mmCIF file of all heavy atoms, coordinates in Angstrom:
data_MODEL
# 
_entry.id   MODEL 
# 
loop_
_atom_site.group_PDB 
_atom_site.id 
_atom_site.type_symbol 
_atom_site.label_atom_id 
_atom_site.label_alt_id 
_atom_site.label_comp_id 
_atom_site.label_asym_id 
_atom_site.label_entity_id 
_atom_site.label_seq_id 
_atom_site.pdbx_PDB_ins_code 
_atom_site.Cartn_x 
_atom_site.Cartn_y 
_atom_site.Cartn_z 
_atom_site.occupancy 
_atom_site.B_iso_or_equiv 
_atom_site.pdbx_formal_charge 
_atom_site.auth_seq_id 
_atom_site.auth_comp_id 
_atom_site.auth_asym_id 
_atom_site.auth_atom_id 
_atom_site.pdbx_PDB_model_num 
ATOM 1   N N   . TRP A 1 1  ? 72.189 47.565 22.854 1.00 0.00 ? 1  TRP A N   1 
ATOM 2   C CA  . TRP A 1 1  ? 70.973 47.484 23.626 1.00 0.00 ? 1  TRP A CA  1 
ATOM 3   C C   . TRP A 1 1  ? 69.813 48.038 22.791 1.00 0.00 ? 1  TRP A C   1 
ATOM 4   O O   . TRP A 1 1  ? 69.882 49.162 22.317 1.00 0.00 ? 1  TRP A O   1 
ATOM 5   C CB  . TRP A 1 1  ? 71.086 48.294 24.926 1.00 0.00 ? 1  TRP A CB  1 
ATOM 6   C CG  . TRP A 1 1  ? 71.873 47.589 26.002 1.00 0.00 ? 1  TRP A CG  1 
ATOM 7   C CD1 . TRP A 1 1  ? 73.157 47.751 26.306 1.00 0.00 ? 1  TRP A CD1 1 
ATOM 8   C CD2 . TRP A 1 1  ? 71.378 46.561 26.886 1.00 0.00 ? 1  TRP A CD2 1 
ATOM 9   N NE1 . TRP A 1 1  ? 73.520 46.935 27.339 1.00 0.00 ? 1  TRP A NE1 1 
ATOM 10  C CE2 . TRP A 1 1  ? 72.433 46.179 27.722 1.00 0.00 ? 1  TRP A CE2 1 
ATOM 11  C CE3 . TRP A 1 1  ? 70.122 45.963 27.072 1.00 0.00 ? 1  TRP A CE3 1 
ATOM 12  C CZ2 . TRP A 1 1  ? 72.306 45.210 28.699 1.00 0.00 ? 1  TRP A CZ2 1 
ATOM 13  C CZ3 . TRP A 1 1  ? 70.007 44.965 28.031 1.00 0.00 ? 1  TRP A CZ3 1 
ATOM 14  C CH2 . TRP A 1 1  ? 71.091 44.612 28.863 1.00 0.00 ? 1  TRP A CH2 1 
ATOM 15  N N   . ILE A 1 2  ? 68.723 47.232 22.661 1.00 0.00 ? 2  ILE A N   1 
ATOM 16  C CA  . ILE A 1 2  ? 67.532 47.640 21.949 1.00 0.00 ? 2  ILE A CA  1 
ATOM 17  C C   . ILE A 1 2  ? 66.377 47.628 22.924 1.00 0.00 ? 2  ILE A C   1 
ATOM 18  O O   . ILE A 1 2  ? 66.101 46.682 23.637 1.00 0.00 ? 2  ILE A O   1 
ATOM 19  C CB  . ILE A 1 2  ? 67.214 46.639 20.796 1.00 0.00 ? 2  ILE A CB  1 
ATOM 20  C CG1 . ILE A 1 2  ? 68.456 46.553 19.834 1.00 0.00 ? 2  ILE A CG1 1 
ATOM 21  C CG2 . ILE A 1 2  ? 65.968 47.044 20.053 1.00 0.00 ? 2  ILE A CG2 1 
ATOM 22  C CD1 . ILE A 1 2  ? 68.749 47.849 19.090 1.00 0.00 ? 2  ILE A CD1 1 
ATOM 23  N N   . GLY A 1 3  ? 65.686 48.810 22.958 1.00 0.00 ? 3  GLY A N   1 
ATOM 24  C CA  . GLY A 1 3  ? 64.505 48.945 23.836 1.00 0.00 ? 3  GLY A CA  1 
ATOM 25  C C   . GLY A 1 3  ? 63.202 48.672 23.077 1.00 0.00 ? 3  GLY A C   1 
ATOM 26  O O   . GLY A 1 3  ? 63.059 49.019 21.903 1.00 0.00 ? 3  GLY A O   1 
ATOM 27  N N   . VAL A 1 4  ? 62.291 47.988 23.745 1.00 0.00 ? 4  VAL A N   1 
ATOM 28  C CA  . VAL A 1 4  ? 61.010 47.681 23.225 1.00 0.00 ? 4  VAL A CA  1 
ATOM 29  C C   . VAL A 1 4  ? 59.956 48.181 24.208 1.00 0.00 ? 4  VAL A C   1 
ATOM 30  O O   . VAL A 1 4  ? 59.959 47.759 25.345 1.00 0.00 ? 4  VAL A O   1 
ATOM 31  C CB  . VAL A 1 4  ? 60.812 46.156 23.010 1.00 0.00 ? 4  VAL A CB  1 
ATOM 32  C CG1 . VAL A 1 4  ? 59.471 45.852 22.403 1.00 0.00 ? 4  VAL A CG1 1 
ATOM 33  C CG2 . VAL A 1 4  ? 61.939 45.582 22.164 1.00 0.00 ? 4  VAL A CG2 1 
ATOM 34  N N   . ASP A 1 5  ? 59.116 49.129 23.747 1.00 0.00 ? 5  ASP A N   1 
ATOM 35  C CA  . ASP A 1 5  ? 58.041 49.725 24.604 1.00 0.00 ? 5  ASP A CA  1 
ATOM 36  C C   . ASP A 1 5  ? 56.740 49.302 23.947 1.00 0.00 ? 5  ASP A C   1 
ATOM 37  O O   . ASP A 1 5  ? 56.381 49.799 22.888 1.00 0.00 ? 5  ASP A O   1 
ATOM 38  C CB  . ASP A 1 5  ? 58.228 51.232 24.633 1.00 0.00 ? 5  ASP A CB  1 
ATOM 39  C CG  . ASP A 1 5  ? 57.303 51.873 25.617 1.00 0.00 ? 5  ASP A CG  1 
ATOM 40  O OD1 . ASP A 1 5  ? 56.432 51.233 26.215 1.00 0.00 ? 5  ASP A OD1 1 
ATOM 41  O OD2 . ASP A 1 5  ? 57.376 53.119 25.772 1.00 0.00 ? 5  ASP A OD2 1 
ATOM 42  N N   . SER A 1 6  ? 56.004 48.368 24.612 1.00 0.00 ? 6  SER A N   1 
ATOM 43  C CA  . SER A 1 6  ? 54.891 47.649 23.941 1.00 0.00 ? 6  SER A CA  1 
ATOM 44  C C   . SER A 1 6  ? 53.581 47.745 24.672 1.00 0.00 ? 6  SER A C   1 
ATOM 45  O O   . SER A 1 6  ? 53.532 47.830 25.928 1.00 0.00 ? 6  SER A O   1 
ATOM 46  C CB  . SER A 1 6  ? 55.260 46.187 23.793 1.00 0.00 ? 6  SER A CB  1 
ATOM 47  O OG  . SER A 1 6  ? 56.453 46.047 23.072 1.00 0.00 ? 6  SER A OG  1 
ATOM 48  N N   . GLY A 1 7  ? 52.495 47.706 23.917 1.00 0.00 ? 7  GLY A N   1 
ATOM 49  C CA  . GLY A 1 7  ? 51.153 47.581 24.428 1.00 0.00 ? 7  GLY A CA  1 
ATOM 50  C C   . GLY A 1 7  ? 50.418 46.549 23.553 1.00 0.00 ? 7  GLY A C   1 
ATOM 51  O O   . GLY A 1 7  ? 50.592 46.512 22.338 1.00 0.00 ? 7  GLY A O   1 
ATOM 52  N N   . THR A 1 8  ? 49.585 45.711 24.184 1.00 0.00 ? 8  THR A N   1 
ATOM 53  C CA  . THR A 1 8  ? 48.871 44.688 23.470 1.00 0.00 ? 8  THR A CA  1 
ATOM 54  C C   . THR A 1 8  ? 47.366 44.932 23.663 1.00 0.00 ? 8  THR A C   1 
ATOM 55  O O   . THR A 1 8  ? 46.897 45.189 24.754 1.00 0.00 ? 8  THR A O   1 
ATOM 56  C CB  . THR A 1 8  ? 49.247 43.283 23.996 1.00 0.00 ? 8  THR A CB  1 
ATOM 57  O OG1 . THR A 1 8  ? 50.630 43.066 23.737 1.00 0.00 ? 8  THR A OG1 1 
ATOM 58  C CG2 . THR A 1 8  ? 48.417 42.191 23.317 1.00 0.00 ? 8  THR A CG2 1 
ATOM 59  N N   . HIS A 1 9  ? 46.641 44.756 22.529 1.00 0.00 ? 9  HIS A N   1 
ATOM 60  C CA  . HIS A 1 9  ? 45.165 44.962 22.528 1.00 0.00 ? 9  HIS A CA  1 
ATOM 61  C C   . HIS A 1 9  ? 44.554 43.688 21.985 1.00 0.00 ? 9  HIS A C   1 
ATOM 62  O O   . HIS A 1 9  ? 44.904 43.282 20.852 1.00 0.00 ? 9  HIS A O   1 
ATOM 63  C CB  . HIS A 1 9  ? 44.799 46.198 21.711 1.00 0.00 ? 9  HIS A CB  1 
ATOM 64  C CG  . HIS A 1 9  ? 45.639 47.392 22.071 1.00 0.00 ? 9  HIS A CG  1 
ATOM 65  N ND1 . HIS A 1 9  ? 45.388 48.157 23.156 1.00 0.00 ? 9  HIS A ND1 1 
ATOM 66  C CD2 . HIS A 1 9  ? 46.764 47.878 21.465 1.00 0.00 ? 9  HIS A CD2 1 
ATOM 67  C CE1 . HIS A 1 9  ? 46.289 49.142 23.188 1.00 0.00 ? 9  HIS A CE1 1 
ATOM 68  N NE2 . HIS A 1 9  ? 47.152 48.972 22.231 1.00 0.00 ? 9  HIS A NE2 1 
ATOM 69  N N   . ILE A 1 10 ? 43.579 43.104 22.740 1.00 0.00 ? 10 ILE A N   1 
ATOM 70  C CA  . ILE A 1 10 ? 42.920 41.894 22.297 1.00 0.00 ? 10 ILE A CA  1 
ATOM 71  C C   . ILE A 1 10 ? 41.444 42.151 22.111 1.00 0.00 ? 10 ILE A C   1 
ATOM 72  O O   . ILE A 1 10 ? 40.799 42.755 22.972 1.00 0.00 ? 10 ILE A O   1 
ATOM 73  C CB  . ILE A 1 10 ? 43.124 40.773 23.338 1.00 0.00 ? 10 ILE A CB  1 
ATOM 74  C CG1 . ILE A 1 10 ? 44.560 40.529 23.681 1.00 0.00 ? 10 ILE A CG1 1 
ATOM 75  C CG2 . ILE A 1 10 ? 42.405 39.493 22.910 1.00 0.00 ? 10 ILE A CG2 1 
ATOM 76  C CD1 . ILE A 1 10 ? 45.366 39.969 22.540 1.00 0.00 ? 10 ILE A CD1 1 
ATOM 77  N N   . SER A 1 11 ? 40.866 41.674 20.991 1.00 0.00 ? 11 SER A N   1 
ATOM 78  C CA  . SER A 1 11 ? 39.403 41.830 20.776 1.00 0.00 ? 11 SER A CA  1 
ATOM 79  C C   . SER A 1 11 ? 38.670 40.599 21.327 1.00 0.00 ? 11 SER A C   1 
ATOM 80  O O   . SER A 1 11 ? 39.279 39.574 21.600 1.00 0.00 ? 11 SER A O   1 
ATOM 81  C CB  . SER A 1 11 ? 39.105 41.977 19.280 1.00 0.00 ? 11 SER A CB  1 
ATOM 82  O OG  . SER A 1 11 ? 39.073 40.679 18.667 1.00 0.00 ? 11 SER A OG  1 
ATOM 83  N N   . SER A 1 12 ? 37.408 40.721 21.483 1.00 0.00 ? 12 SER A N   1 
ATOM 84  C CA  . SER A 1 12 ? 36.575 39.607 21.916 1.00 0.00 ? 12 SER A CA  1 
ATOM 85  C C   . SER A 1 12 ? 36.423 38.539 20.876 1.00 0.00 ? 12 SER A C   1 
ATOM 86  O O   . SER A 1 12 ? 35.889 37.447 21.151 1.00 0.00 ? 12 SER A O   1 
ATOM 87  C CB  . SER A 1 12 ? 35.198 40.136 22.347 1.00 0.00 ? 12 SER A CB  1 
ATOM 88  O OG  . SER A 1 12 ? 34.554 40.721 21.233 1.00 0.00 ? 12 SER A OG  1 
ATOM 89  N N   . LEU A 1 13 ? 36.935 38.763 19.657 1.00 0.00 ? 13 LEU A N   1 
ATOM 90  C CA  . LEU A 1 13 ? 36.791 37.811 18.570 1.00 0.00 ? 13 LEU A CA  1 
ATOM 91  C C   . LEU A 1 13 ? 37.979 36.877 18.516 1.00 0.00 ? 13 LEU A C   1 
ATOM 92  O O   . LEU A 1 13 ? 38.067 36.006 17.603 1.00 0.00 ? 13 LEU A O   1 
ATOM 93  C CB  . LEU A 1 13 ? 36.616 38.576 17.249 1.00 0.00 ? 13 LEU A CB  1 
ATOM 94  C CG  . LEU A 1 13 ? 35.424 39.481 17.171 1.00 0.00 ? 13 LEU A CG  1 
ATOM 95  C CD1 . LEU A 1 13 ? 35.439 40.250 15.835 1.00 0.00 ? 13 LEU A CD1 1 
ATOM 96  C CD2 . LEU A 1 13 ? 34.148 38.681 17.276 1.00 0.00 ? 13 LEU A CD2 1 
ATOM 97  N N   . GLY A 1 14 ? 38.967 37.044 19.367 1.00 0.00 ? 14 GLY A N   1 
ATOM 98  C CA  . GLY A 1 14 ? 40.083 36.130 19.388 1.00 0.00 ? 14 GLY A CA  1 
ATOM 99  C C   . GLY A 1 14 ? 41.319 36.570 18.613 1.00 0.00 ? 14 GLY A C   1 
ATOM 100 O O   . GLY A 1 14 ? 42.204 35.815 18.282 1.00 0.00 ? 14 GLY A O   1 
ATOM 101 N N   . HIS A 1 15 ? 41.365 37.854 18.269 1.00 0.00 ? 15 HIS A N   1 
ATOM 102 C CA  . HIS A 1 15 ? 42.550 38.365 17.640 1.00 0.00 ? 15 HIS A CA  1 
ATOM 103 C C   . HIS A 1 15 ? 42.961 39.636 18.307 1.00 0.00 ? 15 HIS A C   1 
ATOM 104 O O   . HIS A 1 15 ? 42.237 40.243 19.049 1.00 0.00 ? 15 HIS A O   1 
ATOM 105 C CB  . HIS A 1 15 ? 42.327 38.546 16.110 1.00 0.00 ? 15 HIS A CB  1 
ATOM 106 C CG  . HIS A 1 15 ? 41.215 39.475 15.770 1.00 0.00 ? 15 HIS A CG  1 
ATOM 107 N ND1 . HIS A 1 15 ? 41.293 40.822 15.782 1.00 0.00 ? 15 HIS A ND1 1 
ATOM 108 C CD2 . HIS A 1 15 ? 39.942 39.190 15.395 1.00 0.00 ? 15 HIS A CD2 1 
ATOM 109 C CE1 . HIS A 1 15 ? 40.184 41.327 15.452 1.00 0.00 ? 15 HIS A CE1 1 
ATOM 110 N NE2 . HIS A 1 15 ? 39.304 40.384 15.211 1.00 0.00 ? 15 HIS A NE2 1 
ATOM 111 N N   . GLY A 1 16 ? 44.183 40.035 18.067 1.00 0.00 ? 16 GLY A N   1 
ATOM 112 C CA  . GLY A 1 16 ? 44.709 41.234 18.696 1.00 0.00 ? 16 GLY A CA  1 
ATOM 113 C C   . GLY A 1 16 ? 45.906 41.746 17.970 1.00 0.00 ? 16 GLY A C   1 
ATOM 114 O O   . GLY A 1 16 ? 46.332 41.268 16.918 1.00 0.00 ? 16 GLY A O   1 
ATOM 115 N N   . CYS A 1 17 ? 46.542 42.770 18.591 1.00 0.00 ? 17 CYS A N   1 
ATOM 116 C CA  . CYS A 1 17 ? 47.701 43.391 17.957 1.00 0.00 ? 17 CYS A CA  1 
ATOM 117 C C   . CYS A 1 17 ? 48.576 43.947 19.103 1.00 0.00 ? 17 CYS A C   1 
ATOM 118 O O   . CYS A 1 17 ? 48.124 44.467 20.077 1.00 0.00 ? 17 CYS A O   1 
ATOM 119 C CB  . CYS A 1 17 ? 47.225 44.557 17.059 1.00 0.00 ? 17 CYS A CB  1 
ATOM 120 S SG  . CYS A 1 17 ? 48.619 45.336 16.187 1.00 0.00 ? 17 CYS A SG  1 
ATOM 121 N N   . THR A 1 18 ? 49.867 43.749 18.954 1.00 0.00 ? 18 THR A N   1 
ATOM 122 C CA  . THR A 1 18 ? 50.892 44.377 19.814 1.00 0.00 ? 18 THR A CA  1 
ATOM 123 C C   . THR A 1 18 ? 51.603 45.440 19.014 1.00 0.00 ? 18 THR A C   1 
ATOM 124 O O   . THR A 1 18 ? 52.059 45.175 17.895 1.00 0.00 ? 18 THR A O   1 
ATOM 125 C CB  . THR A 1 18 ? 51.909 43.346 20.339 1.00 0.00 ? 18 THR A CB  1 
ATOM 126 O OG1 . THR A 1 18 ? 51.201 42.325 21.084 1.00 0.00 ? 18 THR A OG1 1 
ATOM 127 C CG2 . THR A 1 18 ? 52.917 44.009 21.181 1.00 0.00 ? 18 THR A CG2 1 
ATOM 128 N N   . LEU A 1 19 ? 51.615 46.610 19.547 1.00 0.00 ? 19 LEU A N   1 
ATOM 129 C CA  . LEU A 1 19 ? 52.342 47.745 18.931 1.00 0.00 ? 19 LEU A CA  1 
ATOM 130 C C   . LEU A 1 19 ? 53.520 48.132 19.826 1.00 0.00 ? 19 LEU A C   1 
ATOM 131 O O   . LEU A 1 19 ? 53.371 48.241 21.037 1.00 0.00 ? 19 LEU A O   1 
ATOM 132 C CB  . LEU A 1 19 ? 51.376 48.985 18.779 1.00 0.00 ? 19 LEU A CB  1 
ATOM 133 C CG  . LEU A 1 19 ? 50.125 48.663 17.968 1.00 0.00 ? 19 LEU A CG  1 
ATOM 134 C CD1 . LEU A 1 19 ? 49.193 49.874 17.990 1.00 0.00 ? 19 LEU A CD1 1 
ATOM 135 C CD2 . LEU A 1 19 ? 50.464 48.290 16.512 1.00 0.00 ? 19 LEU A CD2 1 
ATOM 136 N N   . SER A 1 20 ? 54.681 48.266 19.199 1.00 0.00 ? 20 SER A N   1 
ATOM 137 C CA  . SER A 1 20 ? 55.879 48.527 19.959 1.00 0.00 ? 20 SER A CA  1 
ATOM 138 C C   . SER A 1 20 ? 56.684 49.685 19.316 1.00 0.00 ? 20 SER A C   1 
ATOM 139 O O   . SER A 1 20 ? 56.876 49.714 18.087 1.00 0.00 ? 20 SER A O   1 
ATOM 140 C CB  . SER A 1 20 ? 56.826 47.299 19.955 1.00 0.00 ? 20 SER A CB  1 
ATOM 141 O OG  . SER A 1 20 ? 56.152 46.191 20.498 1.00 0.00 ? 20 SER A OG  1 
ATOM 142 N N   . ASP A 1 21 ? 57.194 50.560 20.154 1.00 0.00 ? 21 ASP A N   1 
ATOM 143 C CA  . ASP A 1 21 ? 58.203 51.513 19.752 1.00 0.00 ? 21 ASP A CA  1 
ATOM 144 C C   . ASP A 1 21 ? 59.519 50.889 20.039 1.00 0.00 ? 21 ASP A C   1 
ATOM 145 O O   . ASP A 1 21 ? 59.750 50.240 21.075 1.00 0.00 ? 21 ASP A O   1 
ATOM 146 C CB  . ASP A 1 21 ? 58.101 52.862 20.524 1.00 0.00 ? 21 ASP A CB  1 
ATOM 147 C CG  . ASP A 1 21 ? 56.881 53.671 20.087 1.00 0.00 ? 21 ASP A CG  1 
ATOM 148 O OD1 . ASP A 1 21 ? 56.471 53.571 18.920 1.00 0.00 ? 21 ASP A OD1 1 
ATOM 149 O OD2 . ASP A 1 21 ? 56.334 54.408 20.928 1.00 0.00 ? 21 ASP A OD2 1 
ATOM 150 N N   . LEU A 1 22 ? 60.504 51.089 19.124 1.00 0.00 ? 22 LEU A N   1 
ATOM 151 C CA  . LEU A 1 22 ? 61.829 50.497 19.208 1.00 0.00 ? 22 LEU A CA  1 
ATOM 152 C C   . LEU A 1 22 ? 62.882 51.555 19.446 1.00 0.00 ? 22 LEU A C   1 
ATOM 153 O O   . LEU A 1 22 ? 62.817 52.612 18.760 1.00 0.00 ? 22 LEU A O   1 
ATOM 154 C CB  . LEU A 1 22 ? 62.158 49.667 17.971 1.00 0.00 ? 22 LEU A CB  1 
ATOM 155 C CG  . LEU A 1 22 ? 61.134 48.611 17.588 1.00 0.00 ? 22 LEU A CG  1 
ATOM 156 C CD1 . LEU A 1 22 ? 61.506 48.009 16.229 1.00 0.00 ? 22 LEU A CD1 1 
ATOM 157 C CD2 . LEU A 1 22 ? 61.036 47.554 18.677 1.00 0.00 ? 22 LEU A CD2 1 
ATOM 158 N N   . TYR A 1 23 ? 63.858 51.350 20.311 1.00 0.00 ? 23 TYR A N   1 
ATOM 159 C CA  . TYR A 1 23 ? 64.867 52.329 20.668 1.00 0.00 ? 23 TYR A CA  1 
ATOM 160 C C   . TYR A 1 23 ? 66.233 51.696 20.658 1.00 0.00 ? 23 TYR A C   1 
ATOM 161 O O   . TYR A 1 23 ? 66.360 50.506 20.869 1.00 0.00 ? 23 TYR A O   1 
ATOM 162 C CB  . TYR A 1 23 ? 64.592 52.893 22.093 1.00 0.00 ? 23 TYR A CB  1 
ATOM 163 C CG  . TYR A 1 23 ? 63.296 53.613 22.228 1.00 0.00 ? 23 TYR A CG  1 
ATOM 164 C CD1 . TYR A 1 23 ? 62.118 52.923 22.514 1.00 0.00 ? 23 TYR A CD1 1 
ATOM 165 C CD2 . TYR A 1 23 ? 63.249 55.006 22.134 1.00 0.00 ? 23 TYR A CD2 1 
ATOM 166 C CE1 . TYR A 1 23 ? 60.921 53.588 22.673 1.00 0.00 ? 23 TYR A CE1 1 
ATOM 167 C CE2 . TYR A 1 23 ? 62.022 55.686 22.280 1.00 0.00 ? 23 TYR A CE2 1 
ATOM 168 C CZ  . TYR A 1 23 ? 60.891 54.968 22.549 1.00 0.00 ? 23 TYR A CZ  1 
ATOM 169 O OH  . TYR A 1 23 ? 59.723 55.636 22.690 1.00 0.00 ? 23 TYR A OH  1 
ATOM 170 N N   . ASP A 1 24 ? 67.245 52.516 20.422 1.00 0.00 ? 24 ASP A N   1 
ATOM 171 C CA  . ASP A 1 24 ? 68.603 52.198 20.860 1.00 0.00 ? 24 ASP A CA  1 
ATOM 172 C C   . ASP A 1 24 ? 68.944 53.185 21.985 1.00 0.00 ? 24 ASP A C   1 
ATOM 173 O O   . ASP A 1 24 ? 68.084 53.990 22.381 1.00 0.00 ? 24 ASP A O   1 
ATOM 174 C CB  . ASP A 1 24 ? 69.629 52.127 19.706 1.00 0.00 ? 24 ASP A CB  1 
ATOM 175 C CG  . ASP A 1 24 ? 69.904 53.523 19.086 1.00 0.00 ? 24 ASP A CG  1 
ATOM 176 O OD1 . ASP A 1 24 ? 69.446 54.551 19.614 1.00 0.00 ? 24 ASP A OD1 1 
ATOM 177 O OD2 . ASP A 1 24 ? 70.625 53.541 18.102 1.00 0.00 ? 24 ASP A OD2 1 
ATOM 178 N N   . GLU A 1 25 ? 70.130 53.205 22.464 1.00 0.00 ? 25 GLU A N   1 
ATOM 179 C CA  . GLU A 1 25 ? 70.509 54.063 23.566 1.00 0.00 ? 25 GLU A CA  1 
ATOM 180 C C   . GLU A 1 25 ? 70.526 55.537 23.193 1.00 0.00 ? 25 GLU A C   1 
ATOM 181 O O   . GLU A 1 25 ? 70.601 56.372 24.073 1.00 0.00 ? 25 GLU A O   1 
ATOM 182 C CB  . GLU A 1 25 ? 71.837 53.652 24.157 1.00 0.00 ? 25 GLU A CB  1 
ATOM 183 C CG  . GLU A 1 25 ? 71.743 52.265 24.789 1.00 0.00 ? 25 GLU A CG  1 
ATOM 184 C CD  . GLU A 1 25 ? 73.133 51.747 25.245 1.00 0.00 ? 25 GLU A CD  1 
ATOM 185 O OE1 . GLU A 1 25 ? 73.653 52.319 26.207 1.00 0.00 ? 25 GLU A OE1 1 
ATOM 186 O OE2 . GLU A 1 25 ? 73.644 50.808 24.576 1.00 0.00 ? 25 GLU A OE2 1 
ATOM 187 N N   . ASN A 1 26 ? 70.396 55.814 21.915 1.00 0.00 ? 26 ASN A N   1 
ATOM 188 C CA  . ASN A 1 26 ? 70.417 57.228 21.448 1.00 0.00 ? 26 ASN A CA  1 
ATOM 189 C C   . ASN A 1 26 ? 69.030 57.711 21.079 1.00 0.00 ? 26 ASN A C   1 
ATOM 190 O O   . ASN A 1 26 ? 68.878 58.874 20.627 1.00 0.00 ? 26 ASN A O   1 
ATOM 191 C CB  . ASN A 1 26 ? 71.388 57.369 20.237 1.00 0.00 ? 26 ASN A CB  1 
ATOM 192 C CG  . ASN A 1 26 ? 72.772 57.051 20.626 1.00 0.00 ? 26 ASN A CG  1 
ATOM 193 O OD1 . ASN A 1 26 ? 73.276 57.599 21.621 1.00 0.00 ? 26 ASN A OD1 1 
ATOM 194 N ND2 . ASN A 1 26 ? 73.467 56.175 19.913 1.00 0.00 ? 26 ASN A ND2 1 
ATOM 195 N N   . GLY A 1 27 ? 67.993 56.906 21.174 1.00 0.00 ? 27 GLY A N   1 
ATOM 196 C CA  . GLY A 1 27 ? 66.654 57.373 20.935 1.00 0.00 ? 27 GLY A CA  1 
ATOM 197 C C   . GLY A 1 27 ? 65.832 56.432 20.033 1.00 0.00 ? 27 GLY A C   1 
ATOM 198 O O   . GLY A 1 27 ? 66.228 55.244 19.807 1.00 0.00 ? 27 GLY A O   1 
# 
């Protein structure tokens, strides 16, 4: 099991970025 904790940020110029922390069941 792999956990993905994500947030997405979009600019008014039409580009953006998603940043994610990745986990397994141990951290």
